[in-house]
Amino acid sequence: MNPLEVIGFVFGVAGIWLTIKENIWCFPVGLVNVIVSFFLFYEEQLYSDTLQQAVYVVLLSYGWYAWVFKKGDKKKLPITGLSLNYWLLLIVVMIVVAFGMGTLFAKNTDADIPYLDAGATAICFVAQFLIARKKIENWYLWLIANAMYIGIFIYKDLYLYSTLHTAYFILAIIGLNTWSKQRKIQNA
């Protein structure tokens, strides 16, 4: 088993758990996970996932900033939802990004499963952005992406990462339930 996979697994589970708990440490822990995953995915020719990890560095940094420097005098950034128009815009963005990245990597690299990899990556980009904004819908996107990644990583014989994404899937259900309850409390 690749040591990068083990390190990524540990920091990945810890990062999601801290996100569920709305703990600011989810961002630095997540940064360790994405840096390790960057190198692992490059080795495995999953170039959309490699790019995803690089983008995560930016999104995690943005999220860290947004959670620390929230708007107004609120103690913490509130959990909110998306409008239908914003959802539709994000769906279009995910489709365009998935098709664009899939085509780029299919035509210009030796990428394995470029369109499936790019589709999961596009969903993750939007989900991570929504975490930074504390939008509850991020958890729905994580459920979809993690289901896709379970299959991708089994196909690539990355069984620990497949297990990790199974754990992420379960944690996304917990996250959705926890944030839903927290949202009701904050709105009361």
N, C-alpha and C. Protein backbone atom coordinates (compact mmCIF):
# COMPACT_ATOMS: atom_id res chain seq x y z
N MET A 1 0.85 -1.18 0.00
CA MET A 1 0.00 0.00 0.00
C MET A 1 0.89 1.24 0.00
N ASN A 2 0.51 2.20 -0.81
CA ASN A 2 1.26 3.44 -0.94
C ASN A 2 1.14 4.26 0.35
N PRO A 3 2.28 4.69 0.94
CA PRO A 3 2.23 5.50 2.17
C PRO A 3 1.43 6.79 2.00
N LEU A 4 1.46 7.37 0.79
CA LEU A 4 0.67 8.58 0.55
C LEU A 4 -0.81 8.31 0.74
N GLU A 5 -1.25 7.11 0.33
CA GLU A 5 -2.66 6.75 0.48
C GLU A 5 -3.04 6.68 1.95
N VAL A 6 -2.15 6.13 2.78
CA VAL A 6 -2.42 6.01 4.22
C VAL A 6 -2.50 7.40 4.87
N ILE A 7 -1.53 8.26 4.56
CA ILE A 7 -1.52 9.61 5.13
C ILE A 7 -2.75 10.39 4.67
N GLY A 8 -3.05 10.31 3.38
CA GLY A 8 -4.23 10.99 2.85
C GLY A 8 -5.51 10.51 3.51
N PHE A 9 -5.59 9.21 3.74
CA PHE A 9 -6.76 8.62 4.40
C PHE A 9 -6.98 9.24 5.78
N VAL A 10 -5.93 9.26 6.59
CA VAL A 10 -6.03 9.75 7.96
C VAL A 10 -6.44 11.23 7.98
N PHE A 11 -5.75 12.04 7.20
CA PHE A 11 -6.06 13.47 7.19
C PHE A 11 -7.40 13.76 6.50
N GLY A 12 -7.79 12.91 5.57
CA GLY A 12 -9.08 13.08 4.92
C GLY A 12 -10.25 12.89 5.87
N VAL A 13 -10.21 11.80 6.64
CA VAL A 13 -11.28 11.54 7.60
C VAL A 13 -11.31 12.64 8.67
N ALA A 14 -10.14 13.00 9.16
CA ALA A 14 -10.08 14.05 10.19
C ALA A 14 -10.64 15.37 9.67
N GLY A 15 -10.30 15.72 8.43
CA GLY A 15 -10.78 16.98 7.85
C GLY A 15 -12.29 17.04 7.70
N ILE A 16 -12.88 15.95 7.25
CA ILE A 16 -14.34 15.93 7.09
C ILE A 16 -15.03 15.98 8.46
N TRP A 17 -14.49 15.24 9.41
CA TRP A 17 -15.09 15.25 10.76
C TRP A 17 -15.05 16.66 11.35
N LEU A 18 -13.94 17.36 11.17
CA LEU A 18 -13.84 18.73 11.67
C LEU A 18 -14.78 19.67 10.92
N THR A 19 -15.02 19.42 9.63
CA THR A 19 -15.97 20.22 8.86
C THR A 19 -17.39 20.03 9.41
N ILE A 20 -17.75 18.79 9.68
CA ILE A 20 -19.07 18.51 10.25
C ILE A 20 -19.26 19.28 11.55
N LYS A 21 -18.21 19.33 12.34
CA LYS A 21 -18.28 20.01 13.64
C LYS A 21 -18.13 21.52 13.52
N GLU A 22 -18.02 22.02 12.27
CA GLU A 22 -17.82 23.44 12.00
C GLU A 22 -16.58 23.97 12.72
N ASN A 23 -15.53 23.15 12.77
CA ASN A 23 -14.29 23.49 13.44
C ASN A 23 -13.32 24.06 12.41
N ILE A 24 -12.77 25.21 12.70
CA ILE A 24 -11.88 25.93 11.77
C ILE A 24 -10.65 25.10 11.40
N TRP A 25 -10.28 24.13 12.22
CA TRP A 25 -9.13 23.28 11.93
C TRP A 25 -9.37 22.37 10.73
N CYS A 26 -10.61 22.31 10.25
CA CYS A 26 -10.87 21.51 9.05
C CYS A 26 -10.05 22.00 7.86
N PHE A 27 -9.72 23.27 7.84
CA PHE A 27 -9.00 23.83 6.70
C PHE A 27 -7.51 23.45 6.69
N PRO A 28 -6.74 23.64 7.78
CA PRO A 28 -5.35 23.20 7.71
C PRO A 28 -5.20 21.69 7.59
N VAL A 29 -6.07 20.94 8.25
CA VAL A 29 -6.04 19.47 8.12
C VAL A 29 -6.37 19.08 6.69
N GLY A 30 -7.34 19.74 6.11
CA GLY A 30 -7.70 19.49 4.72
C GLY A 30 -6.57 19.83 3.77
N LEU A 31 -5.80 20.86 4.07
CA LEU A 31 -4.66 21.22 3.22
C LEU A 31 -3.61 20.11 3.19
N VAL A 32 -3.35 19.49 4.34
CA VAL A 32 -2.41 18.37 4.36
C VAL A 32 -2.95 17.24 3.47
N ASN A 33 -4.23 16.94 3.61
CA ASN A 33 -4.85 15.88 2.80
C ASN A 33 -4.71 16.15 1.31
N VAL A 34 -4.98 17.37 0.88
CA VAL A 34 -4.96 17.64 -0.56
C VAL A 34 -3.54 17.66 -1.13
N ILE A 35 -2.57 18.09 -0.35
CA ILE A 35 -1.19 18.08 -0.83
C ILE A 35 -0.72 16.64 -1.02
N VAL A 36 -1.02 15.79 -0.06
CA VAL A 36 -0.65 14.37 -0.17
C VAL A 36 -1.39 13.73 -1.35
N SER A 37 -2.68 14.01 -1.46
CA SER A 37 -3.49 13.43 -2.53
C SER A 37 -3.03 13.90 -3.91
N PHE A 38 -2.55 15.12 -4.00
CA PHE A 38 -2.02 15.64 -5.26
C PHE A 38 -0.97 14.70 -5.84
N PHE A 39 -0.01 14.34 -5.02
CA PHE A 39 1.08 13.48 -5.48
C PHE A 39 0.60 12.06 -5.77
N LEU A 40 -0.30 11.55 -4.94
CA LEU A 40 -0.83 10.20 -5.16
C LEU A 40 -1.59 10.13 -6.48
N PHE A 41 -2.46 11.08 -6.74
CA PHE A 41 -3.27 11.05 -7.96
C PHE A 41 -2.43 11.25 -9.22
N TYR A 42 -1.39 12.06 -9.11
CA TYR A 42 -0.50 12.23 -10.26
C TYR A 42 0.17 10.89 -10.60
N GLU A 43 0.63 10.18 -9.58
CA GLU A 43 1.24 8.86 -9.79
C GLU A 43 0.27 7.89 -10.46
N GLU A 44 -1.03 8.04 -10.17
CA GLU A 44 -2.05 7.11 -10.66
C GLU A 44 -2.68 7.57 -11.98
N GLN A 45 -2.18 8.63 -12.57
CA GLN A 45 -2.65 9.17 -13.84
C GLN A 45 -4.11 9.63 -13.76
N LEU A 46 -4.50 10.10 -12.62
CA LEU A 46 -5.83 10.70 -12.44
C LEU A 46 -5.63 12.22 -12.44
N TYR A 47 -5.46 12.77 -13.63
CA TYR A 47 -5.05 14.16 -13.76
C TYR A 47 -6.13 15.16 -13.36
N SER A 48 -7.38 14.83 -13.57
CA SER A 48 -8.44 15.73 -13.09
C SER A 48 -8.40 15.81 -11.58
N ASP A 49 -8.17 14.67 -10.93
CA ASP A 49 -8.06 14.66 -9.47
C ASP A 49 -6.81 15.39 -9.00
N THR A 50 -5.73 15.28 -9.77
CA THR A 50 -4.50 16.01 -9.43
C THR A 50 -4.77 17.51 -9.49
N LEU A 51 -5.40 17.96 -10.57
CA LEU A 51 -5.77 19.36 -10.69
C LEU A 51 -6.73 19.77 -9.57
N GLN A 52 -7.65 18.88 -9.26
CA GLN A 52 -8.62 19.14 -8.19
C GLN A 52 -7.90 19.47 -6.89
N GLN A 53 -6.86 18.74 -6.56
CA GLN A 53 -6.14 18.97 -5.31
C GLN A 53 -5.47 20.35 -5.32
N ALA A 54 -4.93 20.75 -6.48
CA ALA A 54 -4.33 22.08 -6.59
C ALA A 54 -5.38 23.17 -6.37
N VAL A 55 -6.55 22.99 -6.97
CA VAL A 55 -7.64 23.96 -6.80
C VAL A 55 -8.12 23.96 -5.35
N TYR A 56 -8.13 22.79 -4.71
CA TYR A 56 -8.53 22.71 -3.30
C TYR A 56 -7.64 23.56 -2.40
N VAL A 57 -6.37 23.68 -2.74
CA VAL A 57 -5.51 24.54 -1.93
C VAL A 57 -6.08 25.95 -1.91
N VAL A 58 -6.51 26.43 -3.08
CA VAL A 58 -7.10 27.77 -3.18
C VAL A 58 -8.45 27.80 -2.44
N LEU A 59 -9.31 26.81 -2.69
CA LEU A 59 -10.64 26.81 -2.08
C LEU A 59 -10.58 26.64 -0.56
N LEU A 60 -9.68 25.80 -0.08
CA LEU A 60 -9.53 25.64 1.37
C LEU A 60 -9.00 26.93 2.00
N SER A 61 -8.08 27.58 1.33
CA SER A 61 -7.56 28.86 1.84
C SER A 61 -8.67 29.91 1.87
N TYR A 62 -9.47 29.93 0.80
CA TYR A 62 -10.62 30.86 0.75
C TYR A 62 -11.61 30.54 1.87
N GLY A 63 -11.92 29.26 2.05
CA GLY A 63 -12.85 28.87 3.11
C GLY A 63 -12.34 29.25 4.48
N TRP A 64 -11.08 29.02 4.71
CA TRP A 64 -10.45 29.38 5.98
C TRP A 64 -10.62 30.88 6.23
N TYR A 65 -10.32 31.66 5.21
CA TYR A 65 -10.48 33.12 5.30
C TYR A 65 -11.95 33.49 5.56
N ALA A 66 -12.87 32.90 4.79
CA ALA A 66 -14.30 33.24 4.91
C ALA A 66 -14.84 32.89 6.30
N TRP A 67 -14.38 31.77 6.86
CA TRP A 67 -14.86 31.38 8.19
C TRP A 67 -14.27 32.27 9.28
N VAL A 68 -13.05 32.74 9.10
CA VAL A 68 -12.41 33.59 10.10
C VAL A 68 -12.94 35.02 10.01
N PHE A 69 -13.04 35.53 8.78
CA PHE A 69 -13.46 36.91 8.57
C PHE A 69 -14.87 36.96 8.01
N LYS A 70 -15.81 36.42 8.78
CA LYS A 70 -17.22 36.40 8.35
C LYS A 70 -17.77 37.82 8.26
N LYS A 71 -18.86 37.96 7.53
CA LYS A 71 -19.47 39.27 7.34
C LYS A 71 -20.19 39.71 8.61
N GLY A 72 -20.09 40.97 8.89
CA GLY A 72 -20.83 41.53 10.01
C GLY A 72 -20.20 41.15 11.35
N ASP A 73 -21.01 41.23 12.38
CA ASP A 73 -20.51 40.98 13.72
C ASP A 73 -20.94 39.62 14.24
N LYS A 74 -21.30 38.72 13.35
CA LYS A 74 -21.73 37.39 13.76
C LYS A 74 -20.54 36.62 14.31
N LYS A 75 -20.80 35.78 15.32
CA LYS A 75 -19.72 34.99 15.90
C LYS A 75 -19.19 33.97 14.92
N LYS A 76 -20.07 33.42 14.09
CA LYS A 76 -19.60 32.49 13.07
C LYS A 76 -20.50 32.60 11.85
N LEU A 77 -19.93 32.21 10.71
CA LEU A 77 -20.66 32.24 9.44
C LEU A 77 -21.87 31.32 9.55
N PRO A 78 -23.07 31.82 9.22
CA PRO A 78 -24.27 30.98 9.34
C PRO A 78 -24.39 29.97 8.20
N ILE A 79 -25.06 28.88 8.46
CA ILE A 79 -25.38 27.88 7.45
C ILE A 79 -26.61 28.38 6.70
N THR A 80 -26.51 28.46 5.38
CA THR A 80 -27.62 28.93 4.56
C THR A 80 -27.82 27.98 3.38
N GLY A 81 -28.84 28.28 2.57
CA GLY A 81 -29.15 27.47 1.40
C GLY A 81 -29.03 28.26 0.12
N LEU A 82 -29.15 27.57 -1.00
CA LEU A 82 -29.05 28.17 -2.32
C LEU A 82 -30.43 28.44 -2.91
N SER A 83 -30.51 29.46 -3.74
CA SER A 83 -31.73 29.70 -4.51
C SER A 83 -31.74 28.74 -5.70
N LEU A 84 -32.91 28.54 -6.29
CA LEU A 84 -33.04 27.67 -7.46
C LEU A 84 -32.17 28.16 -8.61
N ASN A 85 -32.16 29.47 -8.86
CA ASN A 85 -31.34 30.02 -9.95
C ASN A 85 -29.86 29.76 -9.73
N TYR A 86 -29.40 29.88 -8.50
CA TYR A 86 -27.99 29.63 -8.19
C TYR A 86 -27.67 28.15 -8.40
N TRP A 87 -28.60 27.27 -8.00
CA TRP A 87 -28.42 25.83 -8.22
C TRP A 87 -28.28 25.54 -9.71
N LEU A 88 -29.15 26.12 -10.52
CA LEU A 88 -29.10 25.89 -11.96
C LEU A 88 -27.78 26.39 -12.54
N LEU A 89 -27.32 27.53 -12.10
CA LEU A 89 -26.04 28.05 -12.54
C LEU A 89 -24.91 27.08 -12.18
N LEU A 90 -24.93 26.56 -10.98
CA LEU A 90 -23.88 25.64 -10.54
C LEU A 90 -23.91 24.33 -11.32
N ILE A 91 -25.10 23.87 -11.69
CA ILE A 91 -25.21 22.66 -12.51
C ILE A 91 -24.57 22.89 -13.88
N VAL A 92 -24.86 24.03 -14.47
CA VAL A 92 -24.25 24.36 -15.77
C VAL A 92 -22.73 24.43 -15.62
N VAL A 93 -22.25 25.08 -14.58
CA VAL A 93 -20.80 25.18 -14.34
C VAL A 93 -20.19 23.78 -14.23
N MET A 94 -20.83 22.89 -13.47
CA MET A 94 -20.29 21.53 -13.30
C MET A 94 -20.22 20.79 -14.63
N ILE A 95 -21.25 20.92 -15.45
CA ILE A 95 -21.27 20.24 -16.76
C ILE A 95 -20.17 20.78 -17.67
N VAL A 96 -20.05 22.10 -17.73
CA VAL A 96 -19.03 22.72 -18.59
C VAL A 96 -17.63 22.33 -18.13
N VAL A 97 -17.38 22.41 -16.84
CA VAL A 97 -16.06 22.07 -16.30
C VAL A 97 -15.76 20.59 -16.55
N ALA A 98 -16.72 19.72 -16.30
CA ALA A 98 -16.51 18.28 -16.51
C ALA A 98 -16.19 17.97 -17.96
N PHE A 99 -16.96 18.52 -18.87
CA PHE A 99 -16.73 18.26 -20.28
C PHE A 99 -15.40 18.85 -20.74
N GLY A 100 -15.12 20.06 -20.31
CA GLY A 100 -13.87 20.71 -20.69
C GLY A 100 -12.64 19.99 -20.18
N MET A 101 -12.64 19.65 -18.90
CA MET A 101 -11.49 18.93 -18.34
C MET A 101 -11.38 17.53 -18.93
N GLY A 102 -12.50 16.86 -19.07
CA GLY A 102 -12.48 15.52 -19.64
C GLY A 102 -11.89 15.51 -21.04
N THR A 103 -12.32 16.47 -21.86
CA THR A 103 -11.81 16.58 -23.23
C THR A 103 -10.32 16.93 -23.23
N LEU A 104 -9.93 17.88 -22.41
CA LEU A 104 -8.53 18.28 -22.32
C LEU A 104 -7.64 17.09 -21.97
N PHE A 105 -8.01 16.35 -20.94
CA PHE A 105 -7.17 15.24 -20.51
C PHE A 105 -7.28 14.03 -21.43
N ALA A 106 -8.42 13.83 -22.07
CA ALA A 106 -8.57 12.72 -23.01
C ALA A 106 -7.70 12.92 -24.24
N LYS A 107 -7.62 14.17 -24.70
CA LYS A 107 -6.89 14.44 -25.94
C LYS A 107 -5.40 14.70 -25.74
N ASN A 108 -5.02 15.15 -24.56
CA ASN A 108 -3.65 15.63 -24.38
C ASN A 108 -2.81 14.85 -23.36
N THR A 109 -3.37 13.85 -22.75
CA THR A 109 -2.61 13.10 -21.74
C THR A 109 -2.92 11.61 -21.87
N ASP A 110 -2.27 10.85 -21.04
CA ASP A 110 -2.56 9.41 -20.94
C ASP A 110 -3.55 9.13 -19.80
N ALA A 111 -4.41 10.10 -19.52
CA ALA A 111 -5.37 9.99 -18.41
C ALA A 111 -6.20 8.72 -18.53
N ASP A 112 -6.43 8.12 -17.40
CA ASP A 112 -7.30 6.96 -17.31
C ASP A 112 -8.69 7.49 -16.93
N ILE A 113 -9.74 7.02 -17.58
CA ILE A 113 -11.14 7.43 -17.36
C ILE A 113 -11.30 8.95 -17.23
N PRO A 114 -10.88 9.71 -18.24
CA PRO A 114 -10.84 11.17 -18.11
C PRO A 114 -12.19 11.83 -17.87
N TYR A 115 -13.26 11.35 -18.51
CA TYR A 115 -14.55 12.04 -18.35
C TYR A 115 -15.20 11.73 -17.00
N LEU A 116 -15.11 10.52 -16.57
CA LEU A 116 -15.66 10.17 -15.25
C LEU A 116 -14.88 10.90 -14.16
N ASP A 117 -13.57 10.89 -14.27
CA ASP A 117 -12.71 11.60 -13.33
C ASP A 117 -13.02 13.09 -13.32
N ALA A 118 -13.17 13.67 -14.50
CA ALA A 118 -13.47 15.11 -14.60
C ALA A 118 -14.85 15.43 -14.05
N GLY A 119 -15.83 14.55 -14.27
CA GLY A 119 -17.17 14.78 -13.74
C GLY A 119 -17.18 14.82 -12.22
N ALA A 120 -16.52 13.85 -11.61
CA ALA A 120 -16.44 13.82 -10.14
C ALA A 120 -15.69 15.04 -9.63
N THR A 121 -14.64 15.41 -10.33
CA THR A 121 -13.85 16.58 -9.94
C THR A 121 -14.68 17.86 -10.01
N ALA A 122 -15.44 18.04 -11.07
CA ALA A 122 -16.27 19.24 -11.22
C ALA A 122 -17.28 19.35 -10.07
N ILE A 123 -17.88 18.24 -9.71
CA ILE A 123 -18.82 18.24 -8.58
C ILE A 123 -18.10 18.64 -7.30
N CYS A 124 -16.90 18.12 -7.11
CA CYS A 124 -16.13 18.44 -5.90
C CYS A 124 -15.73 19.91 -5.84
N PHE A 125 -15.38 20.50 -6.99
CA PHE A 125 -15.04 21.92 -6.99
C PHE A 125 -16.20 22.74 -6.43
N VAL A 126 -17.39 22.46 -6.92
CA VAL A 126 -18.56 23.22 -6.48
C VAL A 126 -18.87 22.92 -5.02
N ALA A 127 -18.78 21.65 -4.64
CA ALA A 127 -19.07 21.28 -3.24
C ALA A 127 -18.11 21.99 -2.29
N GLN A 128 -16.82 22.02 -2.63
CA GLN A 128 -15.84 22.67 -1.75
C GLN A 128 -16.09 24.17 -1.68
N PHE A 129 -16.47 24.79 -2.80
CA PHE A 129 -16.82 26.21 -2.78
C PHE A 129 -18.01 26.45 -1.86
N LEU A 130 -19.00 25.55 -1.91
CA LEU A 130 -20.19 25.70 -1.07
C LEU A 130 -19.87 25.53 0.41
N ILE A 131 -18.89 24.69 0.74
CA ILE A 131 -18.46 24.58 2.14
C ILE A 131 -17.91 25.92 2.60
N ALA A 132 -17.08 26.54 1.76
CA ALA A 132 -16.49 27.82 2.12
C ALA A 132 -17.56 28.86 2.42
N ARG A 133 -18.69 28.77 1.73
CA ARG A 133 -19.80 29.71 1.93
C ARG A 133 -20.82 29.18 2.95
N LYS A 134 -20.56 27.99 3.50
CA LYS A 134 -21.44 27.31 4.46
C LYS A 134 -22.85 27.13 3.89
N LYS A 135 -22.92 26.63 2.67
CA LYS A 135 -24.19 26.30 2.04
C LYS A 135 -24.49 24.83 2.29
N ILE A 136 -25.65 24.53 2.79
CA ILE A 136 -26.01 23.17 3.17
C ILE A 136 -25.99 22.19 2.01
N GLU A 137 -26.22 22.70 0.81
CA GLU A 137 -26.27 21.82 -0.36
C GLU A 137 -24.94 21.16 -0.69
N ASN A 138 -23.86 21.64 -0.09
CA ASN A 138 -22.57 21.01 -0.33
C ASN A 138 -22.62 19.52 -0.02
N TRP A 139 -23.37 19.15 1.00
CA TRP A 139 -23.42 17.74 1.42
C TRP A 139 -24.08 16.86 0.37
N TYR A 140 -25.07 17.35 -0.35
CA TYR A 140 -25.69 16.57 -1.42
C TYR A 140 -24.68 16.29 -2.54
N LEU A 141 -23.91 17.31 -2.87
CA LEU A 141 -22.90 17.14 -3.91
C LEU A 141 -21.81 16.16 -3.47
N TRP A 142 -21.45 16.22 -2.20
CA TRP A 142 -20.45 15.26 -1.70
C TRP A 142 -20.97 13.84 -1.77
N LEU A 143 -22.25 13.63 -1.53
CA LEU A 143 -22.81 12.28 -1.64
C LEU A 143 -22.65 11.75 -3.06
N ILE A 144 -22.95 12.58 -4.03
CA ILE A 144 -22.83 12.16 -5.44
C ILE A 144 -21.36 11.90 -5.79
N ALA A 145 -20.51 12.85 -5.48
CA ALA A 145 -19.08 12.72 -5.83
C ALA A 145 -18.45 11.51 -5.14
N ASN A 146 -18.75 11.31 -3.89
CA ASN A 146 -18.14 10.18 -3.17
C ASN A 146 -18.61 8.84 -3.72
N ALA A 147 -19.87 8.76 -4.12
CA ALA A 147 -20.35 7.53 -4.75
C ALA A 147 -19.57 7.26 -6.04
N MET A 148 -19.31 8.32 -6.80
CA MET A 148 -18.52 8.17 -8.03
C MET A 148 -17.09 7.73 -7.71
N TYR A 149 -16.50 8.34 -6.71
CA TYR A 149 -15.11 8.03 -6.37
C TYR A 149 -14.94 6.63 -5.80
N ILE A 150 -15.92 6.13 -5.13
CA ILE A 150 -15.81 4.75 -4.64
C ILE A 150 -15.54 3.82 -5.83
N GLY A 151 -16.31 3.99 -6.88
CA GLY A 151 -16.12 3.18 -8.09
C GLY A 151 -14.80 3.47 -8.79
N ILE A 152 -14.44 4.74 -8.92
CA ILE A 152 -13.19 5.11 -9.58
C ILE A 152 -12.00 4.48 -8.87
N PHE A 153 -11.98 4.56 -7.56
CA PHE A 153 -10.83 4.07 -6.83
C PHE A 153 -10.78 2.54 -6.76
N ILE A 154 -11.93 1.90 -6.80
CA ILE A 154 -11.91 0.43 -6.92
C ILE A 154 -11.31 0.05 -8.28
N TYR A 155 -11.74 0.74 -9.32
CA TYR A 155 -11.21 0.50 -10.66
C TYR A 155 -9.68 0.69 -10.69
N LYS A 156 -9.17 1.69 -9.97
CA LYS A 156 -7.74 1.99 -9.96
C LYS A 156 -6.97 1.17 -8.92
N ASP A 157 -7.63 0.25 -8.24
CA ASP A 157 -7.01 -0.57 -7.19
C ASP A 157 -6.49 0.28 -6.02
N LEU A 158 -7.10 1.39 -5.78
CA LEU A 158 -6.79 2.24 -4.62
C LEU A 158 -7.84 1.95 -3.55
N TYR A 159 -7.71 0.81 -2.93
CA TYR A 159 -8.76 0.32 -2.05
C TYR A 159 -8.89 1.14 -0.77
N LEU A 160 -7.79 1.66 -0.26
CA LEU A 160 -7.89 2.49 0.93
C LEU A 160 -8.62 3.80 0.60
N TYR A 161 -8.35 4.37 -0.57
CA TYR A 161 -9.08 5.58 -0.97
C TYR A 161 -10.54 5.27 -1.28
N SER A 162 -10.82 4.09 -1.78
CA SER A 162 -12.22 3.69 -1.97
C SER A 162 -12.91 3.59 -0.61
N THR A 163 -12.20 3.03 0.36
CA THR A 163 -12.73 2.97 1.73
C THR A 163 -12.89 4.37 2.29
N LEU A 164 -11.89 5.24 2.01
CA LEU A 164 -11.96 6.62 2.48
C LEU A 164 -13.22 7.30 1.94
N HIS A 165 -13.51 7.10 0.66
CA HIS A 165 -14.69 7.75 0.08
C HIS A 165 -15.99 7.10 0.53
N THR A 166 -15.92 5.86 0.94
CA THR A 166 -17.09 5.25 1.60
C THR A 166 -17.31 5.94 2.93
N ALA A 167 -16.21 6.17 3.67
CA ALA A 167 -16.32 6.91 4.94
C ALA A 167 -16.80 8.33 4.67
N TYR A 168 -16.28 8.98 3.62
CA TYR A 168 -16.74 10.32 3.26
C TYR A 168 -18.23 10.33 2.96
N PHE A 169 -18.70 9.29 2.28
CA PHE A 169 -20.12 9.19 1.95
C PHE A 169 -20.95 9.15 3.24
N ILE A 170 -20.54 8.32 4.17
CA ILE A 170 -21.24 8.22 5.45
C ILE A 170 -21.14 9.54 6.22
N LEU A 171 -19.94 10.13 6.21
CA LEU A 171 -19.77 11.41 6.89
C LEU A 171 -20.58 12.52 6.24
N ALA A 172 -20.79 12.45 4.93
CA ALA A 172 -21.64 13.45 4.25
C ALA A 172 -23.09 13.34 4.72
N ILE A 173 -23.55 12.12 4.95
CA ILE A 173 -24.90 11.94 5.50
C ILE A 173 -24.97 12.54 6.90
N ILE A 174 -23.96 12.26 7.71
CA ILE A 174 -23.90 12.82 9.06
C ILE A 174 -23.80 14.35 8.98
N GLY A 175 -22.96 14.85 8.07
CA GLY A 175 -22.81 16.29 7.91
C GLY A 175 -24.11 16.97 7.52
N LEU A 176 -24.83 16.36 6.58
CA LEU A 176 -26.11 16.92 6.15
C LEU A 176 -27.09 16.97 7.32
N ASN A 177 -27.18 15.89 8.08
CA ASN A 177 -28.08 15.86 9.24
C ASN A 177 -27.66 16.87 10.30
N THR A 178 -26.36 16.93 10.59
CA THR A 178 -25.86 17.84 11.62
C THR A 178 -26.07 19.29 11.22
N TRP A 179 -25.71 19.63 9.98
CA TRP A 179 -25.88 21.02 9.53
C TRP A 179 -27.35 21.38 9.41
N SER A 180 -28.22 20.43 9.06
CA SER A 180 -29.66 20.71 8.99
C SER A 180 -30.20 21.06 10.37
N LYS A 181 -29.81 20.29 11.37
CA LYS A 181 -30.23 20.58 12.75
C LYS A 181 -29.67 21.91 13.22
N GLN A 182 -28.41 22.16 12.93
CA GLN A 182 -27.76 23.41 13.34
C GLN A 182 -28.42 24.60 12.66
N ARG A 183 -28.80 24.44 11.39
CA ARG A 183 -29.46 25.51 10.66
C ARG A 183 -30.81 25.85 11.29
N LYS A 184 -31.56 24.81 11.68
CA LYS A 184 -32.86 25.05 12.34
C LYS A 184 -32.66 25.80 13.64
N ILE A 185 -31.64 25.44 14.41
CA ILE A 185 -31.36 26.12 15.69
C ILE A 185 -30.98 27.58 15.44
N GLN A 186 -30.09 27.83 14.47
CA GLN A 186 -29.65 29.20 14.22
C GLN A 186 -30.78 30.07 13.67
N ASN A 187 -31.73 29.47 12.95
CA ASN A 187 -32.84 30.24 12.39
C ASN A 187 -34.01 30.41 13.36
N ALA A 188 -33.94 29.73 14.49
CA ALA A 188 -35.03 29.83 15.48
C ALA A 188 -34.94 31.11 16.27
